[in-house]
Amino acid sequence: MKTDEIEELFRDLKHEFDVETPELGHQQRFLDKLNSINTNVVDNVPKRKSYTVILSIAASIMMFLGLFIFLQNKMEVNDLAGVSPELSQTQDFFTTAISSELNKIKAQRSPENEILVSDALKQMELLEKNYERLKLDLKESGNDKRVIYAMISNFQSRIDILENVLKSIENLKEFKQLEQTQMTL
């Protein structure tokens, strides 16, 4: 039934359809009009100034630089100095004392005490690695007092090792001197 209604509609509208063929050159005129519209649209777009391109590049670089600095600060590992001003002074004291003791040991290094000094330096290296792990623990624990005490204890252990080595070097020197004096008698 529906097809009958559609056929009837087409029969009624048969004479109203536009079935004429276009004039000669119609297609070319249509394409010319279409091309002129396209070029007008492109010509109406304002051209970007070179300084806006430079500014956008500079802004991108600044954004990446800011992001890099922000991430670097986030990844920074805490140490005692980052907890409080008092602990910062404590850390400074220990690092100065350790550096001073190390310099004394290196100044007194000799073939006689080489094994003693190299063993002490290996122990210092192990304590330094342990300290680096403690710094990570401090960051993860949110400045837990137990970690802070362990870091201070690490510094004290380093100083104790260096002081013991210095005493041993002094004892070795005294022994050598005593031995030489006994040989001369």
N, C-alpha and C. Protein backbone atom coordinates (compact mmCIF):
# COMPACT_ATOMS: atom_id res chain seq x y z
N MET A 1 0.80 -1.20 0.00
CA MET A 1 0.00 0.00 0.00
C MET A 1 0.85 1.26 0.00
N LYS A 2 1.86 1.24 0.75
CA LYS A 2 2.70 2.41 0.83
C LYS A 2 3.38 2.67 -0.50
N THR A 3 3.79 1.65 -1.19
CA THR A 3 4.42 1.87 -2.49
C THR A 3 3.42 2.50 -3.46
N ASP A 4 2.18 2.19 -3.37
CA ASP A 4 1.16 2.80 -4.24
C ASP A 4 1.06 4.30 -3.95
N GLU A 5 1.12 4.67 -2.72
CA GLU A 5 1.03 6.09 -2.35
C GLU A 5 2.26 6.85 -2.86
N ILE A 6 3.41 6.23 -2.78
CA ILE A 6 4.64 6.89 -3.24
C ILE A 6 4.60 7.04 -4.76
N GLU A 7 4.16 6.01 -5.45
CA GLU A 7 4.07 6.09 -6.91
C GLU A 7 3.06 7.16 -7.32
N GLU A 8 2.00 7.26 -6.61
CA GLU A 8 0.98 8.26 -6.92
C GLU A 8 1.54 9.67 -6.70
N LEU A 9 2.32 9.86 -5.64
CA LEU A 9 2.94 11.14 -5.37
C LEU A 9 3.88 11.54 -6.49
N PHE A 10 4.67 10.60 -6.96
CA PHE A 10 5.59 10.91 -8.05
C PHE A 10 4.84 11.22 -9.35
N ARG A 11 3.78 10.55 -9.58
CA ARG A 11 2.99 10.84 -10.79
C ARG A 11 2.41 12.23 -10.75
N ASP A 12 1.99 12.66 -9.56
CA ASP A 12 1.41 14.00 -9.42
C ASP A 12 2.47 15.09 -9.58
N LEU A 13 3.69 14.82 -9.13
CA LEU A 13 4.75 15.82 -9.17
C LEU A 13 5.62 15.72 -10.42
N LYS A 14 5.25 14.89 -11.35
CA LYS A 14 6.06 14.62 -12.52
C LYS A 14 6.44 15.87 -13.29
N HIS A 15 5.57 16.81 -13.43
CA HIS A 15 5.84 17.99 -14.24
C HIS A 15 6.51 19.10 -13.45
N GLU A 16 6.65 18.92 -12.17
CA GLU A 16 7.28 19.95 -11.35
C GLU A 16 8.78 19.72 -11.14
N PHE A 17 9.29 18.58 -11.53
CA PHE A 17 10.72 18.32 -11.39
C PHE A 17 11.50 19.13 -12.40
N ASP A 18 12.71 19.60 -11.96
CA ASP A 18 13.60 20.36 -12.82
C ASP A 18 14.48 19.37 -13.58
N VAL A 19 14.17 19.15 -14.82
CA VAL A 19 14.89 18.18 -15.62
C VAL A 19 15.65 18.83 -16.76
N GLU A 20 15.75 20.14 -16.70
CA GLU A 20 16.45 20.84 -17.77
C GLU A 20 17.94 20.64 -17.64
N THR A 21 18.64 20.66 -18.74
CA THR A 21 20.09 20.56 -18.74
C THR A 21 20.66 21.97 -18.60
N PRO A 22 21.76 22.12 -17.86
CA PRO A 22 22.33 23.46 -17.67
C PRO A 22 22.93 23.99 -18.97
N GLU A 23 23.10 25.30 -18.99
CA GLU A 23 23.65 25.94 -20.18
C GLU A 23 25.11 25.52 -20.35
N LEU A 24 25.58 25.75 -21.56
CA LEU A 24 26.96 25.41 -21.88
C LEU A 24 27.92 26.26 -21.04
N GLY A 25 28.94 25.62 -20.41
CA GLY A 25 29.93 26.33 -19.59
C GLY A 25 29.48 26.49 -18.14
N HIS A 26 28.32 25.91 -17.82
CA HIS A 26 27.81 26.05 -16.45
C HIS A 26 28.81 25.46 -15.43
N GLN A 27 29.34 24.30 -15.74
CA GLN A 27 30.25 23.63 -14.80
C GLN A 27 31.49 24.49 -14.57
N GLN A 28 32.04 25.10 -15.63
CA GLN A 28 33.22 25.94 -15.48
C GLN A 28 32.92 27.18 -14.65
N ARG A 29 31.76 27.81 -14.89
CA ARG A 29 31.39 28.99 -14.10
C ARG A 29 31.23 28.62 -12.62
N PHE A 30 30.66 27.45 -12.37
CA PHE A 30 30.46 26.98 -10.99
C PHE A 30 31.81 26.76 -10.30
N LEU A 31 32.76 26.13 -11.01
CA LEU A 31 34.08 25.90 -10.44
C LEU A 31 34.83 27.21 -10.20
N ASP A 32 34.68 28.18 -11.13
CA ASP A 32 35.32 29.47 -10.95
C ASP A 32 34.78 30.18 -9.71
N LYS A 33 33.46 30.14 -9.54
CA LYS A 33 32.86 30.75 -8.35
C LYS A 33 33.36 30.06 -7.07
N LEU A 34 33.43 28.75 -7.12
CA LEU A 34 33.89 27.98 -5.96
C LEU A 34 35.34 28.32 -5.61
N ASN A 35 36.19 28.42 -6.62
CA ASN A 35 37.59 28.77 -6.38
C ASN A 35 37.74 30.19 -5.85
N SER A 36 36.94 31.12 -6.34
CA SER A 36 37.04 32.50 -5.85
C SER A 36 36.59 32.58 -4.39
N ILE A 37 35.63 31.81 -4.01
CA ILE A 37 35.20 31.79 -2.60
C ILE A 37 36.31 31.23 -1.71
N ASN A 38 36.96 30.17 -2.16
CA ASN A 38 38.04 29.56 -1.37
C ASN A 38 39.21 30.52 -1.19
N THR A 39 39.59 31.25 -2.25
CA THR A 39 40.73 32.15 -2.13
C THR A 39 40.37 33.34 -1.26
N ASN A 40 39.14 33.81 -1.29
CA ASN A 40 38.73 34.92 -0.43
C ASN A 40 38.79 34.53 1.04
N VAL A 41 38.40 33.32 1.33
CA VAL A 41 38.42 32.86 2.72
C VAL A 41 39.86 32.80 3.21
N VAL A 42 40.75 32.28 2.39
CA VAL A 42 42.15 32.17 2.78
C VAL A 42 42.77 33.56 2.91
N ASP A 43 42.43 34.48 2.03
CA ASP A 43 43.00 35.82 2.07
C ASP A 43 42.50 36.61 3.28
N ASN A 44 41.32 36.29 3.80
CA ASN A 44 40.77 37.03 4.92
C ASN A 44 41.38 36.62 6.27
N VAL A 45 42.09 35.50 6.31
CA VAL A 45 42.71 35.06 7.55
C VAL A 45 43.94 35.92 7.81
N PRO A 46 44.01 36.57 8.98
CA PRO A 46 45.18 37.42 9.24
C PRO A 46 46.45 36.58 9.39
N LYS A 47 47.51 37.09 8.84
CA LYS A 47 48.79 36.37 8.93
C LYS A 47 49.38 36.61 10.31
N ARG A 48 49.99 35.54 10.88
CA ARG A 48 50.60 35.64 12.20
C ARG A 48 51.91 36.39 12.08
N LYS A 49 52.12 37.24 13.04
CA LYS A 49 53.38 37.96 13.10
C LYS A 49 54.46 37.02 13.62
N SER A 50 55.67 37.24 13.23
CA SER A 50 56.77 36.37 13.64
C SER A 50 57.02 36.46 15.15
N TYR A 51 56.74 37.62 15.74
CA TYR A 51 56.98 37.75 17.18
C TYR A 51 56.00 36.90 17.98
N THR A 52 54.80 36.65 17.50
CA THR A 52 53.87 35.79 18.25
C THR A 52 54.36 34.35 18.24
N VAL A 53 54.98 33.94 17.13
CA VAL A 53 55.54 32.59 17.09
C VAL A 53 56.70 32.48 18.08
N ILE A 54 57.55 33.48 18.11
CA ILE A 54 58.68 33.48 19.03
C ILE A 54 58.19 33.49 20.48
N LEU A 55 57.16 34.31 20.74
CA LEU A 55 56.62 34.35 22.10
C LEU A 55 56.01 33.01 22.52
N SER A 56 55.34 32.35 21.61
CA SER A 56 54.75 31.06 21.96
C SER A 56 55.83 30.01 22.22
N ILE A 57 56.92 30.06 21.45
CA ILE A 57 58.04 29.13 21.68
C ILE A 57 58.68 29.44 23.03
N ALA A 58 58.90 30.71 23.32
CA ALA A 58 59.50 31.09 24.60
C ALA A 58 58.61 30.68 25.77
N ALA A 59 57.31 30.85 25.62
CA ALA A 59 56.38 30.46 26.68
C ALA A 59 56.44 28.95 26.91
N SER A 60 56.54 28.19 25.84
CA SER A 60 56.64 26.73 25.97
C SER A 60 57.91 26.33 26.69
N ILE A 61 59.01 26.97 26.33
CA ILE A 61 60.29 26.67 26.98
C ILE A 61 60.21 27.01 28.46
N MET A 62 59.64 28.15 28.80
CA MET A 62 59.52 28.55 30.21
C MET A 62 58.64 27.57 30.97
N MET A 63 57.58 27.10 30.34
CA MET A 63 56.69 26.15 31.00
C MET A 63 57.44 24.84 31.28
N PHE A 64 58.19 24.34 30.32
CA PHE A 64 58.94 23.10 30.52
C PHE A 64 60.04 23.29 31.57
N LEU A 65 60.69 24.44 31.56
CA LEU A 65 61.72 24.72 32.55
C LEU A 65 61.12 24.77 33.96
N GLY A 66 59.98 25.42 34.09
CA GLY A 66 59.30 25.48 35.38
C GLY A 66 58.89 24.10 35.86
N LEU A 67 58.38 23.29 34.96
CA LEU A 67 57.98 21.93 35.31
C LEU A 67 59.19 21.11 35.73
N PHE A 68 60.30 21.27 35.03
CA PHE A 68 61.53 20.54 35.37
C PHE A 68 62.02 20.93 36.76
N ILE A 69 62.04 22.22 37.05
CA ILE A 69 62.50 22.69 38.37
C ILE A 69 61.56 22.20 39.46
N PHE A 70 60.27 22.24 39.19
CA PHE A 70 59.30 21.75 40.18
C PHE A 70 59.51 20.27 40.47
N LEU A 71 59.72 19.48 39.44
CA LEU A 71 59.93 18.04 39.64
C LEU A 71 61.25 17.77 40.34
N GLN A 72 62.28 18.56 40.04
CA GLN A 72 63.56 18.39 40.71
C GLN A 72 63.42 18.65 42.22
N ASN A 73 62.66 19.69 42.57
CA ASN A 73 62.46 19.99 43.99
C ASN A 73 61.66 18.89 44.67
N LYS A 74 60.72 18.31 43.97
CA LYS A 74 59.93 17.21 44.53
C LYS A 74 60.79 15.99 44.79
N MET A 75 61.76 15.73 43.90
CA MET A 75 62.58 14.53 43.99
C MET A 75 63.77 14.70 44.93
N GLU A 76 63.95 15.92 45.46
CA GLU A 76 65.08 16.18 46.34
C GLU A 76 64.97 15.31 47.59
N VAL A 77 66.08 14.74 47.99
CA VAL A 77 66.10 13.86 49.16
C VAL A 77 66.38 14.70 50.40
N ASN A 78 65.62 14.46 51.45
CA ASN A 78 65.81 15.18 52.70
C ASN A 78 67.04 14.67 53.43
N ASP A 79 67.61 15.55 54.24
CA ASP A 79 68.64 15.14 55.18
C ASP A 79 68.35 15.89 56.47
N LEU A 80 69.24 15.81 57.42
CA LEU A 80 68.99 16.44 58.71
C LEU A 80 68.78 17.94 58.59
N ALA A 81 69.49 18.57 57.67
CA ALA A 81 69.39 20.01 57.51
C ALA A 81 67.99 20.45 57.10
N GLY A 82 67.25 19.57 56.45
CA GLY A 82 65.91 19.92 56.00
C GLY A 82 64.84 19.76 57.07
N VAL A 83 65.20 19.19 58.21
CA VAL A 83 64.22 18.94 59.26
C VAL A 83 64.03 20.17 60.15
N SER A 84 65.13 20.71 60.66
CA SER A 84 65.06 21.88 61.53
C SER A 84 66.39 22.60 61.52
N PRO A 85 66.41 23.85 61.96
CA PRO A 85 67.67 24.59 62.01
C PRO A 85 68.68 23.97 62.99
N GLU A 86 68.18 23.42 64.09
CA GLU A 86 69.07 22.79 65.06
C GLU A 86 69.75 21.57 64.45
N LEU A 87 68.98 20.76 63.76
CA LEU A 87 69.56 19.57 63.13
C LEU A 87 70.48 19.95 61.98
N SER A 88 70.21 21.09 61.37
CA SER A 88 71.11 21.59 60.33
C SER A 88 72.47 21.91 60.93
N GLN A 89 72.46 22.54 62.10
CA GLN A 89 73.72 22.84 62.79
C GLN A 89 74.42 21.55 63.20
N THR A 90 73.63 20.56 63.67
CA THR A 90 74.20 19.28 64.07
C THR A 90 74.88 18.61 62.88
N GLN A 91 74.19 18.62 61.74
CA GLN A 91 74.76 18.02 60.53
C GLN A 91 76.04 18.74 60.13
N ASP A 92 76.01 20.07 60.17
CA ASP A 92 77.21 20.84 59.82
C ASP A 92 78.37 20.50 60.75
N PHE A 93 78.08 20.38 62.05
CA PHE A 93 79.13 20.03 63.01
C PHE A 93 79.74 18.68 62.67
N PHE A 94 78.87 17.68 62.44
CA PHE A 94 79.38 16.33 62.16
C PHE A 94 80.17 16.28 60.86
N THR A 95 79.65 16.90 59.82
CA THR A 95 80.36 16.85 58.54
C THR A 95 81.70 17.56 58.63
N THR A 96 81.77 18.66 59.38
CA THR A 96 83.04 19.36 59.57
C THR A 96 84.02 18.49 60.35
N ALA A 97 83.54 17.87 61.43
CA ALA A 97 84.40 17.02 62.25
C ALA A 97 84.91 15.82 61.45
N ILE A 98 84.02 15.20 60.68
CA ILE A 98 84.42 14.04 59.87
C ILE A 98 85.45 14.45 58.83
N SER A 99 85.20 15.56 58.18
CA SER A 99 86.14 16.04 57.16
C SER A 99 87.51 16.33 57.77
N SER A 100 87.51 16.93 58.94
CA SER A 100 88.76 17.25 59.63
C SER A 100 89.53 15.97 60.00
N GLU A 101 88.82 14.99 60.53
CA GLU A 101 89.46 13.73 60.92
C GLU A 101 89.98 12.98 59.69
N LEU A 102 89.22 13.00 58.61
CA LEU A 102 89.68 12.35 57.37
C LEU A 102 90.96 13.00 56.85
N ASN A 103 91.01 14.32 56.91
CA ASN A 103 92.21 15.02 56.45
C ASN A 103 93.42 14.66 57.31
N LYS A 104 93.21 14.52 58.61
CA LYS A 104 94.31 14.13 59.50
C LYS A 104 94.81 12.73 59.14
N ILE A 105 93.87 11.83 58.90
CA ILE A 105 94.26 10.45 58.56
C ILE A 105 95.01 10.41 57.24
N LYS A 106 94.50 11.13 56.25
CA LYS A 106 95.17 11.14 54.94
C LYS A 106 96.55 11.76 55.03
N ALA A 107 96.73 12.73 55.93
CA ALA A 107 98.04 13.36 56.09
C ALA A 107 99.03 12.39 56.72
N GLN A 108 98.54 11.48 57.54
CA GLN A 108 99.43 10.55 58.24
C GLN A 108 99.53 9.20 57.54
N ARG A 109 98.94 9.09 56.38
CA ARG A 109 98.96 7.83 55.64
C ARG A 109 100.39 7.47 55.25
N SER A 110 100.73 6.22 55.49
CA SER A 110 102.08 5.76 55.13
C SER A 110 102.00 4.27 54.79
N PRO A 111 103.07 3.70 54.25
CA PRO A 111 103.04 2.27 53.92
C PRO A 111 102.81 1.39 55.16
N GLU A 112 103.28 1.84 56.33
CA GLU A 112 103.11 1.04 57.54
C GLU A 112 101.65 0.95 57.98
N ASN A 113 100.90 2.04 57.76
CA ASN A 113 99.50 2.06 58.23
C ASN A 113 98.48 1.99 57.08
N GLU A 114 98.94 1.64 55.89
CA GLU A 114 98.07 1.61 54.70
C GLU A 114 96.87 0.69 54.90
N ILE A 115 97.09 -0.49 55.46
CA ILE A 115 95.99 -1.44 55.64
C ILE A 115 94.97 -0.87 56.61
N LEU A 116 95.43 -0.26 57.66
CA LEU A 116 94.56 0.34 58.67
C LEU A 116 93.72 1.46 58.06
N VAL A 117 94.35 2.33 57.30
CA VAL A 117 93.65 3.46 56.68
C VAL A 117 92.66 2.98 55.62
N SER A 118 93.07 2.06 54.77
CA SER A 118 92.16 1.59 53.71
C SER A 118 90.96 0.87 54.31
N ASP A 119 91.16 0.14 55.39
CA ASP A 119 90.04 -0.52 56.06
C ASP A 119 89.08 0.52 56.63
N ALA A 120 89.61 1.57 57.22
CA ALA A 120 88.77 2.64 57.77
C ALA A 120 87.97 3.33 56.66
N LEU A 121 88.61 3.56 55.53
CA LEU A 121 87.91 4.22 54.41
C LEU A 121 86.80 3.34 53.86
N LYS A 122 87.00 2.02 53.86
CA LYS A 122 85.94 1.11 53.42
C LYS A 122 84.77 1.16 54.39
N GLN A 123 85.06 1.20 55.69
CA GLN A 123 83.99 1.30 56.67
C GLN A 123 83.24 2.63 56.52
N MET A 124 83.96 3.69 56.24
CA MET A 124 83.33 5.00 56.02
C MET A 124 82.41 4.97 54.80
N GLU A 125 82.85 4.29 53.78
CA GLU A 125 82.04 4.17 52.57
C GLU A 125 80.74 3.41 52.86
N LEU A 126 80.83 2.34 53.64
CA LEU A 126 79.62 1.59 54.02
C LEU A 126 78.68 2.46 54.84
N LEU A 127 79.23 3.22 55.77
CA LEU A 127 78.39 4.10 56.58
C LEU A 127 77.75 5.20 55.72
N GLU A 128 78.47 5.68 54.71
CA GLU A 128 77.90 6.69 53.81
C GLU A 128 76.73 6.12 53.00
N LYS A 129 76.86 4.89 52.54
CA LYS A 129 75.76 4.24 51.82
C LYS A 129 74.57 4.05 52.74
N ASN A 130 74.85 3.66 53.98
CA ASN A 130 73.78 3.50 54.96
C ASN A 130 73.09 4.85 55.20
N TYR A 131 73.87 5.92 55.25
CA TYR A 131 73.31 7.25 55.46
C TYR A 131 72.40 7.65 54.29
N GLU A 132 72.78 7.31 53.08
CA GLU A 132 71.95 7.61 51.91
C GLU A 132 70.60 6.89 52.01
N ARG A 133 70.61 5.65 52.48
CA ARG A 133 69.35 4.91 52.67
C ARG A 133 68.52 5.58 53.77
N LEU A 134 69.20 6.05 54.81
CA LEU A 134 68.49 6.73 55.89
C LEU A 134 67.84 8.03 55.41
N LYS A 135 68.49 8.72 54.48
CA LYS A 135 67.89 9.94 53.92
C LYS A 135 66.60 9.61 53.19
N LEU A 136 66.59 8.51 52.45
CA LEU A 136 65.36 8.09 51.77
C LEU A 136 64.29 7.70 52.79
N ASP A 137 64.71 6.98 53.84
CA ASP A 137 63.77 6.60 54.89
C ASP A 137 63.18 7.83 55.58
N LEU A 138 64.01 8.85 55.77
CA LEU A 138 63.55 10.08 56.41
C LEU A 138 62.47 10.74 55.57
N LYS A 139 62.67 10.76 54.29
CA LYS A 139 61.67 11.37 53.39
C LYS A 139 60.37 10.57 53.41
N GLU A 140 60.50 9.24 53.34
CA GLU A 140 59.31 8.39 53.31
C GLU A 140 58.57 8.39 54.64
N SER A 141 59.30 8.50 55.75
CA SER A 141 58.67 8.42 57.07
C SER A 141 58.11 9.75 57.54
N GLY A 142 58.39 10.81 56.83
CA GLY A 142 57.90 12.11 57.26
C GLY A 142 58.63 12.63 58.48
N ASN A 143 59.95 12.56 58.46
CA ASN A 143 60.81 13.07 59.54
C ASN A 143 60.60 12.32 60.86
N ASP A 144 60.54 11.01 60.77
CA ASP A 144 60.40 10.17 61.97
C ASP A 144 61.62 10.32 62.86
N LYS A 145 61.39 10.48 64.17
CA LYS A 145 62.50 10.70 65.11
C LYS A 145 63.46 9.52 65.16
N ARG A 146 62.96 8.32 64.98
CA ARG A 146 63.84 7.16 65.00
C ARG A 146 64.85 7.21 63.86
N VAL A 147 64.40 7.66 62.70
CA VAL A 147 65.31 7.79 61.56
C VAL A 147 66.32 8.90 61.83
N ILE A 148 65.86 10.00 62.43
CA ILE A 148 66.77 11.11 62.76
C ILE A 148 67.85 10.63 63.73
N TYR A 149 67.45 9.87 64.75
CA TYR A 149 68.43 9.33 65.69
C TYR A 149 69.40 8.38 65.00
N ALA A 150 68.90 7.58 64.07
CA ALA A 150 69.78 6.67 63.33
C ALA A 150 70.78 7.45 62.49
N MET A 151 70.36 8.59 61.93
CA MET A 151 71.27 9.40 61.12
C MET A 151 72.36 10.01 62.02
N ILE A 152 71.97 10.49 63.18
CA ILE A 152 72.94 11.06 64.11
C ILE A 152 73.90 9.97 64.59
N SER A 153 73.37 8.80 64.87
CA SER A 153 74.20 7.68 65.28
C SER A 153 75.20 7.30 64.18
N ASN A 154 74.77 7.39 62.93
CA ASN A 154 75.65 7.12 61.80
C ASN A 154 76.82 8.09 61.79
N PHE A 155 76.53 9.37 62.00
CA PHE A 155 77.60 10.36 62.07
C PHE A 155 78.55 10.04 63.22
N GLN A 156 77.99 9.70 64.38
CA GLN A 156 78.83 9.40 65.54
C GLN A 156 79.70 8.17 65.27
N SER A 157 79.15 7.18 64.61
CA SER A 157 79.93 5.98 64.29
C SER A 157 81.10 6.33 63.38
N ARG A 158 80.88 7.20 62.43
CA ARG A 158 81.96 7.61 61.53
C ARG A 158 83.08 8.31 62.30
N ILE A 159 82.69 9.20 63.19
CA ILE A 159 83.69 9.91 63.98
C ILE A 159 84.45 8.94 64.87
N ASP A 160 83.72 8.00 65.48
CA ASP A 160 84.38 6.99 66.33
C ASP A 160 85.40 6.19 65.55
N ILE A 161 85.04 5.76 64.35
CA ILE A 161 85.96 4.99 63.51
C ILE A 161 87.21 5.81 63.21
N LEU A 162 87.01 7.06 62.83
CA LEU A 162 88.15 7.91 62.47
C LEU A 162 89.04 8.19 63.68
N GLU A 163 88.42 8.42 64.83
CA GLU A 163 89.22 8.65 66.04
C GLU A 163 90.01 7.39 66.41
N ASN A 164 89.39 6.22 66.28
CA ASN A 164 90.09 4.97 66.58
C ASN A 164 91.27 4.75 65.63
N VAL A 165 91.08 5.09 64.38
CA VAL A 165 92.16 4.94 63.41
C VAL A 165 93.31 5.88 63.76
N LEU A 166 92.95 7.14 64.12
CA LEU A 166 94.00 8.09 64.50
C LEU A 166 94.77 7.60 65.73
N LYS A 167 94.05 7.05 66.70
CA LYS A 167 94.72 6.51 67.90
C LYS A 167 95.62 5.33 67.52
N SER A 168 95.12 4.49 66.64
CA SER A 168 95.92 3.34 66.21
C SER A 168 97.17 3.79 65.46
N ILE A 169 97.04 4.82 64.64
CA ILE A 169 98.20 5.34 63.91
C ILE A 169 99.21 5.91 64.91
N GLU A 170 98.72 6.64 65.91
CA GLU A 170 99.61 7.19 66.94
C GLU A 170 100.30 6.06 67.71
N ASN A 171 99.54 5.03 68.07
CA ASN A 171 100.12 3.88 68.77
C ASN A 171 101.18 3.19 67.92
N LEU A 172 100.91 3.08 66.64
CA LEU A 172 101.86 2.47 65.72
C LEU A 172 103.14 3.30 65.64
N LYS A 173 102.99 4.62 65.60
CA LYS A 173 104.15 5.51 65.56
C LYS A 173 104.97 5.37 66.84
N GLU A 174 104.29 5.36 67.98
CA GLU A 174 104.99 5.22 69.27
C GLU A 174 105.72 3.88 69.34
N PHE A 175 105.08 2.84 68.85
CA PHE A 175 105.71 1.54 68.84
C PHE A 175 106.97 1.54 67.99
N LYS A 176 106.88 2.17 66.82
CA LYS A 176 108.04 2.25 65.92
C LYS A 176 109.17 3.04 66.58
N GLN A 177 108.83 4.14 67.27
CA GLN A 177 109.85 4.94 67.93
C GLN A 177 110.49 4.17 69.08
N LEU A 178 109.66 3.47 69.84
CA LEU A 178 110.18 2.67 70.95
C LEU A 178 111.11 1.58 70.43
N GLU A 179 110.70 0.98 69.33
CA GLU A 179 111.51 -0.07 68.71
C GLU A 179 112.85 0.49 68.25
N GLN A 180 112.83 1.67 67.67
CA GLN A 180 114.08 2.28 67.20
C GLN A 180 114.99 2.68 68.36
N THR A 181 114.41 3.16 69.42
CA THR A 181 115.25 3.55 70.56
C THR A 181 115.87 2.33 71.24
N GLN A 182 115.12 1.23 71.26
CA GLN A 182 115.67 0.02 71.84
C GLN A 182 116.78 -0.55 70.99
N MET A 183 116.69 -0.37 69.70
CA MET A 183 117.74 -0.87 68.80
C MET A 183 119.01 -0.04 68.94
N THR A 184 118.88 1.20 69.24
CA THR A 184 120.08 2.05 69.37
C THR A 184 120.78 1.82 70.70
N LEU A 185 120.09 1.33 71.67
CA LEU A 185 120.72 1.07 72.97
C LEU A 185 121.47 -0.18 72.91
